[in-house]
């Protein structure tokens, strides 16, 4: 947990504590793998919760994104090299990219010619990124509180 200037903490929570991955139904031959990829993505990605500004900011694991969309690391290295301060964080030697940058990247990839399988992988990844991006501060806190109460 980090501390902000006002002594209100900034928490990092796994996205898996906030959302349940629903089975993907895009392409029968890929659905199981796409669902599995999204489960790994949410387990390795985080929500940065700033209690001072009441702002939740999702960050997605680069390694998991590489697996999800079936690419190599090169486009992500380029993306991280061009990223502004705060758009990429490193935790335990793993890089995570802020959700707005992730959305933009996936949008650009989806606009390029791709095979059906590649399009399905990008679409499945976009669905989870968009779902997480819709969560506001109150929803995040409620989900975390429900999780704590459910664990007791």
N, C-alpha and C. Protein backbone atom coordinates (compact mmCIF):
# COMPACT_ATOMS: atom_id res chain seq x y z
N UNK A 1 0.85 -1.17 0.00
CA UNK A 1 0.00 0.00 0.00
C UNK A 1 0.90 1.24 0.00
N UNK A 2 0.59 2.19 -0.88
CA UNK A 2 1.32 3.45 -0.95
C UNK A 2 0.55 4.48 -0.14
N UNK A 3 1.24 5.53 0.28
CA UNK A 3 0.55 6.61 0.98
C UNK A 3 0.58 7.85 0.09
N UNK A 4 -0.53 8.53 0.01
CA UNK A 4 -0.59 9.78 -0.74
C UNK A 4 -0.19 10.91 0.19
N UNK A 5 -0.16 12.12 -0.33
CA UNK A 5 0.26 13.29 0.45
C UNK A 5 -0.65 13.55 1.65
N UNK A 6 -1.86 13.07 1.62
CA UNK A 6 -2.83 13.39 2.67
C UNK A 6 -3.03 12.25 3.66
N UNK A 7 -2.19 11.27 3.63
CA UNK A 7 -2.27 10.12 4.52
C UNK A 7 -3.40 9.15 4.19
N UNK A 8 -4.15 9.42 3.14
CA UNK A 8 -5.12 8.43 2.70
C UNK A 8 -4.37 7.46 1.79
N UNK A 9 -4.56 6.18 1.99
CA UNK A 9 -3.76 5.21 1.24
C UNK A 9 -4.16 5.08 -0.23
N UNK A 10 -3.20 4.64 -1.00
CA UNK A 10 -3.44 4.20 -2.36
C UNK A 10 -3.26 2.69 -2.32
N UNK A 11 -4.32 1.98 -2.63
CA UNK A 11 -4.29 0.51 -2.57
C UNK A 11 -4.14 -0.08 -3.96
N UNK A 12 -3.51 -1.23 -4.01
CA UNK A 12 -3.43 -2.01 -5.24
C UNK A 12 -4.13 -3.34 -4.98
N UNK A 13 -5.18 -3.60 -5.73
CA UNK A 13 -5.95 -4.83 -5.55
C UNK A 13 -5.98 -5.60 -6.87
N UNK A 14 -5.88 -6.93 -6.80
CA UNK A 14 -6.00 -7.72 -8.04
C UNK A 14 -7.39 -7.53 -8.65
N UNK A 15 -7.44 -7.43 -9.96
CA UNK A 15 -8.74 -7.29 -10.62
C UNK A 15 -9.63 -8.49 -10.36
N UNK A 16 -9.02 -9.62 -10.08
CA UNK A 16 -9.80 -10.83 -9.81
C UNK A 16 -10.65 -10.70 -8.55
N UNK A 17 -10.33 -9.72 -7.69
CA UNK A 17 -11.15 -9.47 -6.50
C UNK A 17 -12.37 -8.61 -6.84
N UNK A 18 -12.39 -8.06 -8.05
CA UNK A 18 -13.45 -7.13 -8.42
C UNK A 18 -14.42 -7.66 -9.47
N UNK A 19 -13.94 -8.52 -10.34
CA UNK A 19 -14.83 -9.03 -11.38
C UNK A 19 -14.65 -10.53 -11.55
N UNK A 20 -15.71 -11.15 -12.00
CA UNK A 20 -15.67 -12.57 -12.37
C UNK A 20 -15.66 -12.63 -13.89
N UNK A 21 -14.77 -13.41 -14.43
CA UNK A 21 -14.68 -13.55 -15.88
C UNK A 21 -15.81 -14.46 -16.35
N UNK A 22 -16.60 -13.92 -17.25
CA UNK A 22 -17.69 -14.71 -17.82
C UNK A 22 -17.15 -15.51 -19.01
N UNK A 23 -17.72 -16.67 -19.27
CA UNK A 23 -17.27 -17.46 -20.43
C UNK A 23 -17.42 -16.65 -21.72
N UNK A 24 -16.38 -16.70 -22.54
CA UNK A 24 -16.39 -16.00 -23.82
C UNK A 24 -17.15 -16.85 -24.83
N UNK A 25 -17.97 -16.20 -25.63
CA UNK A 25 -18.70 -16.89 -26.68
C UNK A 25 -18.54 -16.11 -27.98
N UNK A 26 -17.36 -16.22 -28.56
CA UNK A 26 -17.05 -15.52 -29.81
C UNK A 26 -16.85 -16.52 -30.94
N UNK A 27 -16.05 -17.53 -30.65
CA UNK A 27 -15.67 -18.51 -31.66
C UNK A 27 -15.55 -19.88 -30.97
N UNK A 28 -16.42 -20.84 -31.32
CA UNK A 28 -16.45 -22.12 -30.60
C UNK A 28 -15.09 -22.79 -30.41
N UNK A 29 -14.22 -22.70 -31.41
CA UNK A 29 -12.93 -23.36 -31.28
C UNK A 29 -11.95 -22.58 -30.40
N UNK A 30 -12.26 -21.32 -30.08
CA UNK A 30 -11.36 -20.50 -29.27
C UNK A 30 -11.92 -20.11 -27.91
N UNK A 31 -13.22 -20.28 -27.71
CA UNK A 31 -13.88 -19.76 -26.50
C UNK A 31 -13.20 -20.16 -25.20
N UNK A 32 -12.87 -21.43 -25.06
CA UNK A 32 -12.26 -21.91 -23.81
C UNK A 32 -10.92 -21.23 -23.55
N UNK A 33 -10.09 -21.13 -24.58
CA UNK A 33 -8.77 -20.50 -24.44
C UNK A 33 -8.92 -19.01 -24.17
N UNK A 34 -9.86 -18.35 -24.83
CA UNK A 34 -10.07 -16.91 -24.61
C UNK A 34 -10.54 -16.65 -23.18
N UNK A 35 -11.43 -17.48 -22.68
CA UNK A 35 -11.90 -17.35 -21.30
C UNK A 35 -10.74 -17.54 -20.33
N UNK A 36 -9.94 -18.56 -20.57
CA UNK A 36 -8.78 -18.84 -19.73
C UNK A 36 -7.80 -17.66 -19.76
N UNK A 37 -7.54 -17.11 -20.95
CA UNK A 37 -6.65 -15.95 -21.07
C UNK A 37 -7.16 -14.77 -20.25
N UNK A 38 -8.47 -14.52 -20.32
CA UNK A 38 -9.04 -13.41 -19.56
C UNK A 38 -8.96 -13.66 -18.06
N UNK A 39 -9.11 -14.91 -17.63
CA UNK A 39 -8.98 -15.22 -16.21
C UNK A 39 -7.56 -14.93 -15.73
N UNK A 40 -6.57 -15.29 -16.53
CA UNK A 40 -5.18 -15.00 -16.18
C UNK A 40 -4.95 -13.48 -16.19
N UNK A 41 -5.52 -12.79 -17.17
CA UNK A 41 -5.37 -11.34 -17.26
C UNK A 41 -5.87 -10.66 -15.99
N UNK A 42 -7.06 -11.00 -15.52
CA UNK A 42 -7.59 -10.34 -14.32
C UNK A 42 -6.84 -10.76 -13.06
N UNK A 43 -6.27 -11.95 -13.05
CA UNK A 43 -5.53 -12.38 -11.86
C UNK A 43 -4.17 -11.70 -11.76
N UNK A 44 -3.61 -11.28 -12.89
CA UNK A 44 -2.28 -10.67 -12.89
C UNK A 44 -2.33 -9.15 -13.06
N UNK A 45 -3.51 -8.60 -13.21
CA UNK A 45 -3.68 -7.16 -13.37
C UNK A 45 -4.24 -6.58 -12.07
N UNK A 46 -4.13 -5.26 -11.94
CA UNK A 46 -4.52 -4.64 -10.67
C UNK A 46 -5.42 -3.43 -10.87
N UNK A 47 -6.07 -3.08 -9.77
CA UNK A 47 -6.82 -1.82 -9.69
C UNK A 47 -6.07 -0.96 -8.68
N UNK A 48 -5.62 0.19 -9.12
CA UNK A 48 -4.98 1.16 -8.22
C UNK A 48 -6.11 2.05 -7.70
N UNK A 49 -6.30 2.04 -6.39
CA UNK A 49 -7.40 2.78 -5.78
C UNK A 49 -6.83 3.93 -4.97
N UNK A 50 -7.08 5.14 -5.44
CA UNK A 50 -6.63 6.34 -4.74
C UNK A 50 -7.79 6.85 -3.90
N UNK A 51 -7.68 6.69 -2.59
CA UNK A 51 -8.78 7.06 -1.70
C UNK A 51 -8.89 8.57 -1.52
N UNK A 52 -7.82 9.30 -1.79
CA UNK A 52 -7.87 10.76 -1.69
C UNK A 52 -8.74 11.33 -2.81
N UNK A 53 -8.48 10.91 -4.04
CA UNK A 53 -9.23 11.44 -5.18
C UNK A 53 -10.45 10.58 -5.52
N UNK A 54 -10.61 9.48 -4.77
CA UNK A 54 -11.71 8.53 -5.01
C UNK A 54 -11.70 8.06 -6.47
N UNK A 55 -10.51 7.65 -6.90
CA UNK A 55 -10.31 7.24 -8.28
C UNK A 55 -9.75 5.82 -8.37
N UNK A 56 -10.47 4.92 -9.03
CA UNK A 56 -9.90 3.61 -9.31
C UNK A 56 -9.29 3.62 -10.72
N UNK A 57 -8.09 3.12 -10.86
CA UNK A 57 -7.43 3.07 -12.16
C UNK A 57 -6.92 1.66 -12.42
N UNK A 58 -7.51 0.98 -13.41
CA UNK A 58 -7.03 -0.37 -13.74
C UNK A 58 -5.69 -0.32 -14.47
N UNK A 59 -4.84 -1.28 -14.16
CA UNK A 59 -3.57 -1.48 -14.87
C UNK A 59 -3.54 -2.94 -15.29
N UNK A 60 -3.20 -3.18 -16.56
CA UNK A 60 -3.22 -4.53 -17.10
C UNK A 60 -1.82 -5.07 -17.32
N UNK A 61 -1.63 -6.32 -16.95
CA UNK A 61 -0.35 -7.01 -17.07
C UNK A 61 0.07 -7.13 -18.53
N UNK A 62 1.27 -6.64 -18.84
CA UNK A 62 1.79 -6.73 -20.20
C UNK A 62 1.95 -8.20 -20.61
N UNK A 63 2.51 -9.02 -19.72
CA UNK A 63 2.69 -10.44 -20.05
C UNK A 63 1.36 -11.10 -20.41
N UNK A 64 0.33 -10.79 -19.64
CA UNK A 64 -0.98 -11.39 -19.90
C UNK A 64 -1.60 -10.85 -21.18
N UNK A 65 -1.41 -9.56 -21.45
CA UNK A 65 -1.92 -8.98 -22.69
C UNK A 65 -1.26 -9.63 -23.90
N UNK A 66 0.04 -9.87 -23.81
CA UNK A 66 0.77 -10.54 -24.89
C UNK A 66 0.12 -11.90 -25.17
N UNK A 67 -0.16 -12.66 -24.12
CA UNK A 67 -0.80 -13.97 -24.28
C UNK A 67 -2.23 -13.84 -24.82
N UNK A 68 -2.96 -12.88 -24.29
CA UNK A 68 -4.36 -12.72 -24.68
C UNK A 68 -4.52 -12.43 -26.16
N UNK A 69 -3.71 -11.52 -26.68
CA UNK A 69 -3.91 -11.15 -28.09
C UNK A 69 -3.00 -11.93 -29.03
N UNK A 70 -2.14 -12.77 -28.49
CA UNK A 70 -1.32 -13.63 -29.32
C UNK A 70 -0.28 -12.88 -30.14
N UNK A 71 0.49 -12.04 -29.48
CA UNK A 71 1.53 -11.28 -30.16
C UNK A 71 2.84 -11.45 -29.41
N UNK A 72 3.87 -10.83 -29.92
CA UNK A 72 5.13 -10.81 -29.17
C UNK A 72 5.18 -9.52 -28.35
N UNK A 73 6.28 -9.29 -27.67
CA UNK A 73 6.37 -8.14 -26.79
C UNK A 73 6.71 -6.83 -27.51
N UNK A 74 7.16 -6.92 -28.75
CA UNK A 74 7.64 -5.72 -29.46
C UNK A 74 6.63 -4.56 -29.45
N UNK A 75 5.36 -4.78 -29.84
CA UNK A 75 4.44 -3.64 -29.83
C UNK A 75 4.23 -3.06 -28.42
N UNK A 76 4.35 -3.90 -27.41
CA UNK A 76 4.20 -3.41 -26.04
C UNK A 76 5.43 -2.64 -25.58
N UNK A 77 6.61 -3.09 -26.01
CA UNK A 77 7.83 -2.33 -25.69
C UNK A 77 7.76 -0.93 -26.29
N UNK A 78 7.28 -0.86 -27.54
CA UNK A 78 7.13 0.44 -28.19
C UNK A 78 6.10 1.30 -27.44
N UNK A 79 5.01 0.69 -27.07
CA UNK A 79 3.96 1.39 -26.34
C UNK A 79 4.49 1.94 -25.01
N UNK A 80 5.24 1.11 -24.28
CA UNK A 80 5.77 1.54 -22.99
C UNK A 80 6.84 2.62 -23.16
N UNK A 81 7.62 2.54 -24.23
CA UNK A 81 8.65 3.54 -24.47
C UNK A 81 8.04 4.91 -24.72
N UNK A 82 6.87 4.94 -25.36
CA UNK A 82 6.20 6.20 -25.68
C UNK A 82 5.25 6.67 -24.58
N UNK A 83 5.07 5.87 -23.55
CA UNK A 83 4.09 6.17 -22.50
C UNK A 83 4.53 7.35 -21.64
N UNK A 84 3.55 8.12 -21.21
CA UNK A 84 3.81 9.24 -20.30
C UNK A 84 3.94 8.72 -18.87
N UNK A 85 4.41 9.60 -17.99
CA UNK A 85 4.52 9.25 -16.57
C UNK A 85 3.18 8.76 -16.04
N UNK A 86 3.20 7.67 -15.31
CA UNK A 86 1.99 7.16 -14.69
C UNK A 86 1.18 6.21 -15.56
N UNK A 87 1.55 6.08 -16.84
CA UNK A 87 0.80 5.18 -17.72
C UNK A 87 1.29 3.74 -17.64
N UNK A 88 2.50 3.56 -17.13
CA UNK A 88 3.08 2.23 -16.96
C UNK A 88 3.65 2.15 -15.55
N UNK A 89 3.37 1.05 -14.86
CA UNK A 89 3.97 0.84 -13.54
C UNK A 89 4.67 -0.52 -13.55
N UNK A 90 5.63 -0.65 -12.65
CA UNK A 90 6.38 -1.90 -12.53
C UNK A 90 6.23 -2.40 -11.11
N UNK A 91 5.74 -3.62 -10.97
CA UNK A 91 5.56 -4.25 -9.67
C UNK A 91 6.17 -5.65 -9.75
N UNK A 92 7.11 -5.92 -8.84
CA UNK A 92 7.79 -7.23 -8.82
C UNK A 92 8.35 -7.61 -10.19
N UNK A 93 9.02 -6.64 -10.82
CA UNK A 93 9.64 -6.84 -12.14
C UNK A 93 8.65 -7.16 -13.24
N UNK A 94 7.38 -6.86 -13.03
CA UNK A 94 6.35 -7.06 -14.06
C UNK A 94 5.77 -5.70 -14.42
N UNK A 95 5.59 -5.49 -15.71
CA UNK A 95 5.05 -4.22 -16.18
C UNK A 95 3.54 -4.30 -16.35
N UNK A 96 2.88 -3.20 -15.98
CA UNK A 96 1.44 -3.08 -16.12
C UNK A 96 1.14 -1.76 -16.82
N UNK A 97 0.15 -1.77 -17.71
CA UNK A 97 -0.20 -0.60 -18.50
C UNK A 97 -1.58 -0.11 -18.07
N UNK A 98 -1.70 1.21 -17.90
CA UNK A 98 -2.97 1.82 -17.50
C UNK A 98 -4.06 1.51 -18.53
N UNK A 99 -5.28 1.44 -18.07
CA UNK A 99 -6.39 0.98 -18.91
C UNK A 99 -6.65 1.85 -20.13
N UNK A 100 -6.54 3.17 -20.01
CA UNK A 100 -6.81 4.01 -21.18
C UNK A 100 -5.81 3.75 -22.30
N UNK A 101 -4.57 3.53 -21.93
CA UNK A 101 -3.54 3.21 -22.92
C UNK A 101 -3.79 1.81 -23.51
N UNK A 102 -4.22 0.89 -22.66
CA UNK A 102 -4.54 -0.46 -23.12
C UNK A 102 -5.70 -0.42 -24.12
N UNK A 103 -6.75 0.34 -23.80
CA UNK A 103 -7.90 0.46 -24.70
C UNK A 103 -7.49 1.02 -26.05
N UNK A 104 -6.69 2.08 -26.01
CA UNK A 104 -6.23 2.73 -27.24
C UNK A 104 -5.43 1.73 -28.09
N UNK A 105 -4.53 1.00 -27.44
CA UNK A 105 -3.70 0.01 -28.12
C UNK A 105 -4.58 -1.06 -28.78
N UNK A 106 -5.54 -1.59 -28.04
CA UNK A 106 -6.41 -2.64 -28.57
C UNK A 106 -7.28 -2.11 -29.71
N UNK A 107 -7.73 -0.86 -29.59
CA UNK A 107 -8.52 -0.24 -30.66
C UNK A 107 -7.70 -0.15 -31.94
N UNK A 108 -6.46 0.32 -31.82
CA UNK A 108 -5.60 0.44 -33.00
C UNK A 108 -5.34 -0.93 -33.62
N UNK A 109 -5.13 -1.94 -32.78
CA UNK A 109 -4.88 -3.30 -33.30
C UNK A 109 -6.11 -3.83 -34.02
N UNK A 110 -7.29 -3.52 -33.50
CA UNK A 110 -8.52 -4.04 -34.11
C UNK A 110 -8.81 -3.38 -35.45
N UNK A 111 -8.26 -2.20 -35.68
CA UNK A 111 -8.49 -1.49 -36.94
C UNK A 111 -7.57 -1.97 -38.06
N UNK A 112 -6.57 -2.75 -37.72
CA UNK A 112 -5.64 -3.28 -38.72
C UNK A 112 -6.16 -4.62 -39.23
N UNK A 113 -5.80 -4.97 -40.47
CA UNK A 113 -6.24 -6.28 -41.00
C UNK A 113 -5.72 -7.42 -40.12
N UNK A 114 -6.60 -8.30 -39.72
CA UNK A 114 -6.27 -9.42 -38.84
C UNK A 114 -7.04 -10.66 -39.29
N UNK A 115 -6.52 -11.81 -38.91
CA UNK A 115 -7.25 -13.06 -39.17
C UNK A 115 -8.45 -13.12 -38.23
N UNK A 116 -9.37 -14.02 -38.50
CA UNK A 116 -10.55 -14.18 -37.63
C UNK A 116 -10.13 -14.51 -36.20
N UNK A 117 -9.15 -15.39 -36.05
CA UNK A 117 -8.67 -15.77 -34.72
C UNK A 117 -8.07 -14.59 -33.98
N UNK A 118 -7.28 -13.78 -34.68
CA UNK A 118 -6.68 -12.60 -34.04
C UNK A 118 -7.75 -11.60 -33.63
N UNK A 119 -8.73 -11.41 -34.50
CA UNK A 119 -9.82 -10.48 -34.16
C UNK A 119 -10.59 -10.97 -32.94
N UNK A 120 -10.82 -12.28 -32.86
CA UNK A 120 -11.53 -12.85 -31.72
C UNK A 120 -10.74 -12.63 -30.43
N UNK A 121 -9.43 -12.82 -30.49
CA UNK A 121 -8.57 -12.64 -29.30
C UNK A 121 -8.61 -11.18 -28.84
N UNK A 122 -8.52 -10.26 -29.80
CA UNK A 122 -8.54 -8.83 -29.45
C UNK A 122 -9.90 -8.47 -28.86
N UNK A 123 -10.97 -8.96 -29.48
CA UNK A 123 -12.33 -8.64 -29.01
C UNK A 123 -12.57 -9.17 -27.60
N UNK A 124 -12.11 -10.39 -27.32
CA UNK A 124 -12.28 -10.97 -25.98
C UNK A 124 -11.51 -10.15 -24.95
N UNK A 125 -10.32 -9.71 -25.31
CA UNK A 125 -9.51 -8.90 -24.40
C UNK A 125 -10.16 -7.54 -24.19
N UNK A 126 -10.64 -6.94 -25.26
CA UNK A 126 -11.32 -5.64 -25.14
C UNK A 126 -12.53 -5.73 -24.23
N UNK A 127 -13.24 -6.85 -24.28
CA UNK A 127 -14.45 -6.97 -23.46
C UNK A 127 -14.11 -6.89 -21.97
N UNK A 128 -13.03 -7.54 -21.56
CA UNK A 128 -12.67 -7.52 -20.14
C UNK A 128 -12.11 -6.16 -19.75
N UNK A 129 -11.32 -5.54 -20.64
CA UNK A 129 -10.76 -4.21 -20.37
C UNK A 129 -11.90 -3.20 -20.23
N UNK A 130 -12.89 -3.28 -21.10
CA UNK A 130 -14.02 -2.36 -21.03
C UNK A 130 -14.87 -2.60 -19.78
N UNK A 131 -15.07 -3.85 -19.42
CA UNK A 131 -15.85 -4.16 -18.21
C UNK A 131 -15.20 -3.56 -16.97
N UNK A 132 -13.91 -3.75 -16.85
CA UNK A 132 -13.17 -3.21 -15.70
C UNK A 132 -13.19 -1.68 -15.72
N UNK A 133 -13.07 -1.11 -16.91
CA UNK A 133 -13.03 0.34 -17.05
C UNK A 133 -14.32 1.04 -16.64
N UNK A 134 -15.42 0.32 -16.59
CA UNK A 134 -16.71 0.91 -16.21
C UNK A 134 -16.89 1.05 -14.70
N UNK A 135 -16.03 0.41 -13.93
CA UNK A 135 -16.19 0.45 -12.47
C UNK A 135 -15.79 1.81 -11.92
N UNK A 136 -16.68 2.41 -11.12
CA UNK A 136 -16.32 3.66 -10.46
C UNK A 136 -15.89 3.37 -9.02
N UNK A 137 -15.47 4.40 -8.32
CA UNK A 137 -14.92 4.25 -6.98
C UNK A 137 -15.90 3.54 -6.03
N UNK A 138 -17.15 3.99 -6.03
CA UNK A 138 -18.14 3.41 -5.11
C UNK A 138 -18.36 1.93 -5.41
N UNK A 139 -18.40 1.58 -6.70
CA UNK A 139 -18.58 0.18 -7.07
C UNK A 139 -17.39 -0.67 -6.61
N UNK A 140 -16.19 -0.14 -6.80
CA UNK A 140 -14.98 -0.87 -6.40
C UNK A 140 -14.99 -1.12 -4.89
N UNK A 141 -15.30 -0.09 -4.11
CA UNK A 141 -15.33 -0.23 -2.65
C UNK A 141 -16.41 -1.23 -2.24
N UNK A 142 -17.59 -1.14 -2.86
CA UNK A 142 -18.67 -2.08 -2.53
C UNK A 142 -18.27 -3.52 -2.87
N UNK A 143 -17.64 -3.72 -4.01
CA UNK A 143 -17.21 -5.07 -4.40
C UNK A 143 -16.17 -5.61 -3.43
N UNK A 144 -15.23 -4.78 -3.02
CA UNK A 144 -14.21 -5.21 -2.07
C UNK A 144 -14.82 -5.52 -0.71
N UNK A 145 -15.76 -4.69 -0.27
CA UNK A 145 -16.43 -4.92 1.02
C UNK A 145 -17.25 -6.21 0.98
N UNK A 146 -17.92 -6.47 -0.13
CA UNK A 146 -18.69 -7.71 -0.28
C UNK A 146 -17.77 -8.91 -0.26
N UNK A 147 -16.61 -8.79 -0.87
CA UNK A 147 -15.64 -9.89 -0.90
C UNK A 147 -15.16 -10.19 0.52
N UNK A 148 -14.85 -9.14 1.28
CA UNK A 148 -14.38 -9.32 2.66
C UNK A 148 -15.47 -9.99 3.49
N UNK A 149 -16.72 -9.52 3.37
CA UNK A 149 -17.82 -10.11 4.13
C UNK A 149 -18.07 -11.55 3.71
N UNK A 150 -17.89 -11.85 2.42
CA UNK A 150 -18.09 -13.21 1.93
C UNK A 150 -17.01 -14.16 2.41
N UNK A 151 -15.82 -13.63 2.71
CA UNK A 151 -14.70 -14.46 3.17
C UNK A 151 -14.77 -14.77 4.65
N UNK A 152 -15.59 -14.04 5.39
CA UNK A 152 -15.64 -14.22 6.85
C UNK A 152 -16.43 -15.45 7.23
